[in-house]
Amino acid sequence: MSSTNDSPIVVREVNSDEEFNHIFLIRTQVFVEEEALSQEDEYDGFDHLSRHFLAWYEGTPVGTARLRKLPVSGKVRLERFAVLKPYRRRGVGSAILYKLIEEVPPGTEIYVHVQTYNIDFFNRHHFEVDSEVFEEAGVPHVRMVYRET
């Protein structure tokens, strides 16, 4: 469900330097410039251990996220969801989320640390809050776990 024939949104796994450049530009714009997070918090050292995905809206790169399998537990953590402001509320975030979930083997626990203002979005996509509120990079978050439908 990452894209349909009539959808302007296409989500693909990243496999070129040019696509990685788009990812880092989007993340810098959303997290560092818009949300005022530090570069150190944004670039946490896990990018090389993750699979990255890029969303295109009518041919323009507009959103990204990464998927990271944790080595000891085998759980999968979805991270670094970012959609450029002019493309929000157009289905880009949902398309990215659907694509990442498709990439995870059935039965694998999927979780995400969600900024508290985004709980409703993940709730609509079958994620349930699984923790108390905690602070990550100075921002209130909760852990949410995917419940397969």
N, C-alpha and C. Protein backbone atom coordinates (compact mmCIF):
# COMPACT_ATOMS: atom_id res chain seq x y z
N MET A 1 0.82 -1.20 0.00
CA MET A 1 0.00 0.00 0.00
C MET A 1 0.86 1.26 0.00
N SER A 2 2.10 1.14 -0.41
CA SER A 2 2.97 2.30 -0.43
C SER A 2 2.59 3.27 -1.54
N SER A 3 1.92 2.78 -2.55
CA SER A 3 1.39 3.66 -3.58
C SER A 3 0.33 2.90 -4.36
N THR A 4 -0.55 3.62 -4.97
CA THR A 4 -1.55 3.02 -5.84
C THR A 4 -1.43 3.69 -7.19
N ASN A 5 -2.09 3.11 -8.17
CA ASN A 5 -1.99 3.65 -9.52
C ASN A 5 -2.46 5.09 -9.61
N ASP A 6 -3.46 5.47 -8.82
CA ASP A 6 -3.98 6.83 -8.89
C ASP A 6 -3.41 7.74 -7.80
N SER A 7 -2.50 7.24 -6.99
CA SER A 7 -1.91 8.04 -5.92
C SER A 7 -0.70 8.81 -6.43
N PRO A 8 -0.58 10.06 -5.99
CA PRO A 8 0.61 10.83 -6.37
C PRO A 8 1.83 10.47 -5.51
N ILE A 9 1.65 9.53 -4.54
CA ILE A 9 2.71 9.20 -3.58
C ILE A 9 3.35 7.86 -3.91
N VAL A 10 4.66 7.84 -3.96
CA VAL A 10 5.43 6.61 -4.14
C VAL A 10 6.45 6.56 -3.01
N VAL A 11 6.57 5.41 -2.35
CA VAL A 11 7.56 5.23 -1.29
C VAL A 11 8.48 4.09 -1.68
N ARG A 12 9.79 4.36 -1.66
CA ARG A 12 10.78 3.35 -2.03
C ARG A 12 11.93 3.34 -1.04
N GLU A 13 12.54 2.16 -0.92
CA GLU A 13 13.76 2.07 -0.12
C GLU A 13 14.87 2.81 -0.84
N VAL A 14 15.69 3.49 -0.07
CA VAL A 14 16.77 4.31 -0.61
C VAL A 14 17.97 3.44 -0.94
N ASN A 15 18.57 3.68 -2.10
CA ASN A 15 19.78 2.93 -2.45
C ASN A 15 20.75 3.73 -3.29
N SER A 16 20.70 5.06 -3.20
CA SER A 16 21.68 5.87 -3.92
C SER A 16 22.09 7.06 -3.06
N ASP A 17 23.26 7.58 -3.34
CA ASP A 17 23.74 8.77 -2.61
C ASP A 17 22.80 9.95 -2.81
N GLU A 18 22.28 10.10 -4.01
CA GLU A 18 21.36 11.21 -4.29
C GLU A 18 20.11 11.11 -3.40
N GLU A 19 19.57 9.89 -3.26
CA GLU A 19 18.40 9.71 -2.41
C GLU A 19 18.74 9.96 -0.93
N PHE A 20 19.92 9.52 -0.49
CA PHE A 20 20.34 9.81 0.89
C PHE A 20 20.45 11.31 1.11
N ASN A 21 20.94 12.04 0.13
CA ASN A 21 21.00 13.50 0.25
C ASN A 21 19.61 14.09 0.48
N HIS A 22 18.60 13.58 -0.25
CA HIS A 22 17.23 14.04 -0.06
C HIS A 22 16.76 13.77 1.38
N ILE A 23 17.06 12.56 1.87
CA ILE A 23 16.66 12.20 3.23
C ILE A 23 17.24 13.17 4.25
N PHE A 24 18.52 13.43 4.15
CA PHE A 24 19.16 14.29 5.14
C PHE A 24 18.70 15.74 5.01
N LEU A 25 18.40 16.19 3.80
CA LEU A 25 17.84 17.53 3.64
C LEU A 25 16.46 17.63 4.28
N ILE A 26 15.62 16.62 4.07
CA ILE A 26 14.27 16.61 4.67
C ILE A 26 14.38 16.57 6.19
N ARG A 27 15.20 15.68 6.71
CA ARG A 27 15.34 15.57 8.17
C ARG A 27 15.89 16.85 8.78
N THR A 28 16.86 17.46 8.13
CA THR A 28 17.41 18.72 8.64
C THR A 28 16.34 19.80 8.66
N GLN A 29 15.56 19.89 7.57
CA GLN A 29 14.53 20.91 7.51
C GLN A 29 13.46 20.68 8.59
N VAL A 30 13.02 19.44 8.77
CA VAL A 30 11.95 19.16 9.73
C VAL A 30 12.45 19.19 11.16
N PHE A 31 13.50 18.42 11.45
CA PHE A 31 13.92 18.26 12.85
C PHE A 31 14.81 19.40 13.35
N VAL A 32 15.80 19.79 12.57
CA VAL A 32 16.76 20.79 13.05
C VAL A 32 16.21 22.20 12.90
N GLU A 33 15.68 22.52 11.70
CA GLU A 33 15.20 23.88 11.48
C GLU A 33 13.81 24.12 12.07
N GLU A 34 12.85 23.25 11.75
CA GLU A 34 11.47 23.47 12.19
C GLU A 34 11.27 23.16 13.67
N GLU A 35 11.79 22.02 14.14
CA GLU A 35 11.58 21.61 15.53
C GLU A 35 12.72 22.02 16.46
N ALA A 36 13.75 22.62 15.92
CA ALA A 36 14.88 23.15 16.69
C ALA A 36 15.61 22.09 17.51
N LEU A 37 15.70 20.86 16.97
CA LEU A 37 16.51 19.83 17.62
C LEU A 37 17.97 20.05 17.23
N SER A 38 18.86 19.59 18.07
CA SER A 38 20.28 19.74 17.76
C SER A 38 20.69 18.72 16.69
N GLN A 39 21.71 19.06 15.95
CA GLN A 39 22.27 18.13 14.95
C GLN A 39 22.69 16.82 15.63
N GLU A 40 23.23 16.93 16.85
CA GLU A 40 23.70 15.74 17.58
C GLU A 40 22.54 14.80 17.90
N ASP A 41 21.39 15.37 18.28
CA ASP A 41 20.22 14.53 18.57
C ASP A 41 19.67 13.90 17.29
N GLU A 42 19.66 14.67 16.22
CA GLU A 42 19.09 14.17 14.97
C GLU A 42 19.96 13.09 14.35
N TYR A 43 21.25 13.29 14.31
CA TYR A 43 22.15 12.32 13.68
C TYR A 43 22.80 11.50 14.78
N ASP A 44 22.10 10.42 15.16
CA ASP A 44 22.39 9.65 16.37
C ASP A 44 23.36 8.49 16.19
N GLY A 45 23.87 8.29 15.00
CA GLY A 45 24.83 7.20 14.79
C GLY A 45 24.19 5.89 14.37
N PHE A 46 22.87 5.85 14.20
CA PHE A 46 22.20 4.61 13.80
C PHE A 46 21.83 4.58 12.32
N ASP A 47 22.13 5.62 11.59
CA ASP A 47 21.76 5.64 10.17
C ASP A 47 22.39 4.49 9.39
N HIS A 48 23.62 4.15 9.71
CA HIS A 48 24.30 3.07 8.97
C HIS A 48 23.76 1.68 9.34
N LEU A 49 22.98 1.58 10.41
CA LEU A 49 22.39 0.31 10.85
C LEU A 49 20.92 0.18 10.44
N SER A 50 20.43 1.14 9.67
CA SER A 50 19.01 1.22 9.36
C SER A 50 18.76 1.10 7.86
N ARG A 51 17.52 0.73 7.55
CA ARG A 51 17.03 0.79 6.17
C ARG A 51 16.23 2.09 6.06
N HIS A 52 16.49 2.84 5.02
CA HIS A 52 15.88 4.16 4.85
C HIS A 52 14.88 4.14 3.70
N PHE A 53 13.81 4.92 3.86
CA PHE A 53 12.76 5.00 2.84
C PHE A 53 12.48 6.46 2.54
N LEU A 54 12.16 6.71 1.28
CA LEU A 54 11.91 8.07 0.81
C LEU A 54 10.56 8.10 0.11
N ALA A 55 9.74 9.10 0.46
CA ALA A 55 8.44 9.29 -0.17
C ALA A 55 8.55 10.41 -1.20
N TRP A 56 7.97 10.14 -2.35
CA TRP A 56 7.93 11.11 -3.44
C TRP A 56 6.47 11.49 -3.66
N TYR A 57 6.20 12.78 -3.78
CA TYR A 57 4.85 13.27 -4.07
C TYR A 57 4.91 13.95 -5.42
N GLU A 58 4.23 13.34 -6.39
CA GLU A 58 4.26 13.83 -7.78
C GLU A 58 5.69 14.09 -8.24
N GLY A 59 6.59 13.16 -7.90
CA GLY A 59 7.97 13.23 -8.35
C GLY A 59 8.91 14.06 -7.49
N THR A 60 8.40 14.66 -6.42
CA THR A 60 9.23 15.48 -5.53
C THR A 60 9.47 14.72 -4.23
N PRO A 61 10.75 14.61 -3.78
CA PRO A 61 11.01 13.95 -2.50
C PRO A 61 10.51 14.81 -1.34
N VAL A 62 9.58 14.24 -0.53
CA VAL A 62 8.92 15.06 0.49
C VAL A 62 8.88 14.45 1.88
N GLY A 63 9.24 13.17 2.01
CA GLY A 63 9.16 12.54 3.33
C GLY A 63 10.10 11.37 3.45
N THR A 64 10.36 10.99 4.69
CA THR A 64 11.30 9.91 4.93
C THR A 64 11.04 9.25 6.28
N ALA A 65 11.58 8.07 6.44
CA ALA A 65 11.62 7.36 7.72
C ALA A 65 12.65 6.26 7.59
N ARG A 66 13.02 5.70 8.73
CA ARG A 66 13.96 4.58 8.70
C ARG A 66 13.42 3.45 9.55
N LEU A 67 13.91 2.26 9.25
CA LEU A 67 13.52 1.02 9.94
C LEU A 67 14.80 0.40 10.46
N ARG A 68 14.80 0.05 11.74
CA ARG A 68 16.01 -0.53 12.33
C ARG A 68 15.65 -1.77 13.12
N LYS A 69 16.25 -2.90 12.73
CA LYS A 69 16.06 -4.15 13.48
C LYS A 69 17.08 -4.16 14.62
N LEU A 70 16.58 -4.38 15.83
CA LEU A 70 17.47 -4.41 16.99
C LEU A 70 18.12 -5.79 17.08
N PRO A 71 19.44 -5.84 17.19
CA PRO A 71 20.16 -7.11 17.06
C PRO A 71 19.85 -8.15 18.14
N VAL A 72 19.70 -7.76 19.37
CA VAL A 72 19.50 -8.74 20.45
C VAL A 72 18.06 -9.24 20.51
N SER A 73 17.10 -8.31 20.49
CA SER A 73 15.69 -8.68 20.66
C SER A 73 15.01 -9.11 19.37
N GLY A 74 15.53 -8.64 18.23
CA GLY A 74 14.88 -8.92 16.95
C GLY A 74 13.70 -8.01 16.68
N LYS A 75 13.38 -7.13 17.64
CA LYS A 75 12.28 -6.18 17.44
C LYS A 75 12.69 -5.17 16.37
N VAL A 76 11.69 -4.53 15.78
CA VAL A 76 11.94 -3.51 14.77
C VAL A 76 11.44 -2.17 15.29
N ARG A 77 12.31 -1.19 15.19
CA ARG A 77 11.95 0.17 15.60
C ARG A 77 11.84 1.04 14.36
N LEU A 78 10.73 1.74 14.23
CA LEU A 78 10.53 2.70 13.15
C LEU A 78 10.93 4.06 13.69
N GLU A 79 11.70 4.80 12.89
CA GLU A 79 12.30 6.03 13.40
C GLU A 79 12.36 7.12 12.34
N ARG A 80 12.58 8.31 12.80
CA ARG A 80 12.89 9.48 11.99
C ARG A 80 11.85 9.77 10.90
N PHE A 81 10.56 9.68 11.29
CA PHE A 81 9.50 10.06 10.37
C PHE A 81 9.55 11.57 10.17
N ALA A 82 9.64 12.00 8.93
CA ALA A 82 9.66 13.43 8.63
C ALA A 82 8.98 13.66 7.29
N VAL A 83 8.04 14.60 7.28
CA VAL A 83 7.36 15.01 6.05
C VAL A 83 7.45 16.53 5.98
N LEU A 84 7.87 17.04 4.83
CA LEU A 84 7.96 18.48 4.67
C LEU A 84 6.59 19.13 4.88
N LYS A 85 6.59 20.26 5.54
CA LYS A 85 5.36 20.91 5.97
C LYS A 85 4.32 21.08 4.85
N PRO A 86 4.68 21.53 3.66
CA PRO A 86 3.65 21.72 2.63
C PRO A 86 2.97 20.42 2.17
N TYR A 87 3.54 19.27 2.53
CA TYR A 87 3.01 17.99 2.07
C TYR A 87 2.32 17.20 3.18
N ARG A 88 2.19 17.79 4.35
CA ARG A 88 1.50 17.11 5.44
C ARG A 88 -0.01 17.11 5.17
N ARG A 89 -0.68 16.12 5.75
CA ARG A 89 -2.13 15.94 5.60
C ARG A 89 -2.53 15.62 4.15
N ARG A 90 -1.60 14.98 3.44
CA ARG A 90 -1.88 14.55 2.06
C ARG A 90 -1.72 13.03 1.92
N GLY A 91 -1.49 12.35 3.05
CA GLY A 91 -1.33 10.90 3.01
C GLY A 91 0.11 10.42 2.92
N VAL A 92 1.06 11.33 2.93
CA VAL A 92 2.46 10.95 2.80
C VAL A 92 2.93 10.14 4.01
N GLY A 93 2.63 10.62 5.21
CA GLY A 93 3.03 9.90 6.43
C GLY A 93 2.43 8.51 6.48
N SER A 94 1.16 8.39 6.12
CA SER A 94 0.50 7.08 6.10
C SER A 94 1.16 6.16 5.08
N ALA A 95 1.46 6.67 3.90
CA ALA A 95 2.10 5.86 2.87
C ALA A 95 3.46 5.35 3.34
N ILE A 96 4.22 6.20 4.00
CA ILE A 96 5.53 5.78 4.53
C ILE A 96 5.32 4.69 5.58
N LEU A 97 4.41 4.91 6.49
CA LEU A 97 4.17 3.95 7.56
C LEU A 97 3.73 2.60 7.00
N TYR A 98 2.80 2.60 6.05
CA TYR A 98 2.35 1.34 5.42
C TYR A 98 3.52 0.60 4.78
N LYS A 99 4.38 1.34 4.09
CA LYS A 99 5.53 0.72 3.42
C LYS A 99 6.47 0.08 4.44
N LEU A 100 6.77 0.77 5.52
CA LEU A 100 7.67 0.21 6.53
C LEU A 100 7.07 -1.04 7.15
N ILE A 101 5.78 -1.00 7.48
CA ILE A 101 5.14 -2.17 8.08
C ILE A 101 5.18 -3.36 7.11
N GLU A 102 4.98 -3.09 5.82
CA GLU A 102 5.06 -4.16 4.80
C GLU A 102 6.42 -4.84 4.79
N GLU A 103 7.45 -4.11 5.15
CA GLU A 103 8.82 -4.62 5.08
C GLU A 103 9.21 -5.50 6.27
N VAL A 104 8.37 -5.54 7.29
CA VAL A 104 8.69 -6.28 8.51
C VAL A 104 8.02 -7.65 8.45
N PRO A 105 8.76 -8.73 8.73
CA PRO A 105 8.16 -10.07 8.72
C PRO A 105 7.01 -10.17 9.73
N PRO A 106 5.91 -10.84 9.34
CA PRO A 106 4.78 -11.00 10.27
C PRO A 106 5.25 -11.63 11.59
N GLY A 107 4.64 -11.17 12.68
CA GLY A 107 4.97 -11.70 14.00
C GLY A 107 6.11 -10.98 14.68
N THR A 108 6.80 -10.10 13.98
CA THR A 108 7.89 -9.32 14.57
C THR A 108 7.30 -8.12 15.30
N GLU A 109 7.76 -7.87 16.52
CA GLU A 109 7.27 -6.69 17.24
C GLU A 109 7.80 -5.43 16.58
N ILE A 110 6.89 -4.51 16.31
CA ILE A 110 7.23 -3.22 15.71
C ILE A 110 6.85 -2.15 16.73
N TYR A 111 7.79 -1.23 16.98
CA TYR A 111 7.46 -0.13 17.88
C TYR A 111 8.08 1.16 17.40
N VAL A 112 7.61 2.23 17.97
CA VAL A 112 8.07 3.56 17.60
C VAL A 112 8.00 4.45 18.84
N HIS A 113 8.95 5.38 18.96
CA HIS A 113 8.87 6.42 19.99
C HIS A 113 8.21 7.62 19.30
N VAL A 114 7.06 8.01 19.80
CA VAL A 114 6.22 9.00 19.15
C VAL A 114 6.16 10.28 19.97
N GLN A 115 6.36 11.41 19.32
CA GLN A 115 6.13 12.68 19.99
C GLN A 115 4.65 12.71 20.38
N THR A 116 4.37 13.18 21.59
CA THR A 116 3.01 13.05 22.12
C THR A 116 1.96 13.68 21.22
N TYR A 117 2.30 14.72 20.48
CA TYR A 117 1.29 15.33 19.60
C TYR A 117 0.98 14.47 18.38
N ASN A 118 1.74 13.40 18.15
CA ASN A 118 1.49 12.50 17.02
C ASN A 118 0.83 11.19 17.42
N ILE A 119 0.42 11.05 18.68
CA ILE A 119 -0.18 9.80 19.15
C ILE A 119 -1.40 9.42 18.31
N ASP A 120 -2.28 10.37 18.04
CA ASP A 120 -3.50 10.06 17.28
C ASP A 120 -3.20 9.49 15.90
N PHE A 121 -2.20 10.04 15.23
CA PHE A 121 -1.82 9.54 13.91
C PHE A 121 -1.45 8.06 13.98
N PHE A 122 -0.57 7.70 14.90
CA PHE A 122 -0.14 6.31 15.01
C PHE A 122 -1.26 5.41 15.53
N ASN A 123 -2.10 5.95 16.39
CA ASN A 123 -3.26 5.21 16.89
C ASN A 123 -4.18 4.79 15.73
N ARG A 124 -4.40 5.69 14.79
CA ARG A 124 -5.24 5.38 13.62
C ARG A 124 -4.63 4.27 12.76
N HIS A 125 -3.34 4.03 12.94
CA HIS A 125 -2.64 3.01 12.15
C HIS A 125 -2.30 1.78 12.99
N HIS A 126 -3.11 1.53 14.01
CA HIS A 126 -3.04 0.31 14.82
C HIS A 126 -1.84 0.24 15.76
N PHE A 127 -1.36 1.38 16.21
CA PHE A 127 -0.33 1.42 17.24
C PHE A 127 -1.01 1.78 18.56
N GLU A 128 -0.55 1.16 19.65
CA GLU A 128 -1.08 1.44 20.97
C GLU A 128 0.04 1.94 21.89
N VAL A 129 -0.30 2.91 22.73
CA VAL A 129 0.68 3.44 23.70
C VAL A 129 1.06 2.32 24.65
N ASP A 130 2.37 2.22 24.90
CA ASP A 130 2.92 1.13 25.70
C ASP A 130 3.85 1.65 26.79
N SER A 131 3.77 2.93 27.12
CA SER A 131 4.67 3.49 28.13
C SER A 131 4.07 4.76 28.72
N GLU A 132 4.72 5.22 29.76
CA GLU A 132 4.43 6.55 30.29
C GLU A 132 5.14 7.55 29.38
N VAL A 133 4.82 8.81 29.52
CA VAL A 133 5.50 9.86 28.76
C VAL A 133 6.94 9.97 29.26
N PHE A 134 7.88 10.07 28.32
CA PHE A 134 9.29 10.27 28.64
C PHE A 134 9.86 11.32 27.71
N GLU A 135 11.01 11.83 28.07
CA GLU A 135 11.64 12.87 27.26
C GLU A 135 12.74 12.27 26.40
N GLU A 136 12.73 12.66 25.14
CA GLU A 136 13.77 12.24 24.20
C GLU A 136 14.15 13.49 23.41
N ALA A 137 15.40 13.87 23.45
CA ALA A 137 15.89 15.08 22.79
C ALA A 137 15.10 16.32 23.23
N GLY A 138 14.69 16.32 24.51
CA GLY A 138 13.97 17.46 25.06
C GLY A 138 12.50 17.55 24.66
N VAL A 139 11.98 16.48 24.03
CA VAL A 139 10.60 16.48 23.54
C VAL A 139 9.84 15.32 24.20
N PRO A 140 8.60 15.54 24.68
CA PRO A 140 7.83 14.45 25.27
C PRO A 140 7.45 13.40 24.24
N HIS A 141 7.70 12.13 24.59
CA HIS A 141 7.42 10.99 23.72
C HIS A 141 6.70 9.91 24.50
N VAL A 142 6.12 8.97 23.76
CA VAL A 142 5.65 7.70 24.32
C VAL A 142 6.11 6.60 23.38
N ARG A 143 6.20 5.40 23.92
CA ARG A 143 6.50 4.22 23.11
C ARG A 143 5.16 3.67 22.66
N MET A 144 5.05 3.36 21.36
CA MET A 144 3.83 2.76 20.83
C MET A 144 4.19 1.48 20.10
N VAL A 145 3.34 0.47 20.25
CA VAL A 145 3.58 -0.85 19.65
C VAL A 145 2.49 -1.12 18.62
N TYR A 146 2.89 -1.68 17.50
CA TYR A 146 1.96 -2.03 16.42
C TYR A 146 1.20 -3.29 16.78
N ARG A 147 -0.10 -3.24 16.61
CA ARG A 147 -0.98 -4.40 16.83
C ARG A 147 -1.53 -4.82 15.48
N GLU A 148 -1.02 -5.94 14.97
CA GLU A 148 -1.45 -6.40 13.65
C GLU A 148 -2.95 -6.60 13.64
N THR A 149 -3.53 -6.25 12.50
CA THR A 149 -4.99 -6.38 12.37
C THR A 149 -5.38 -7.70 11.74
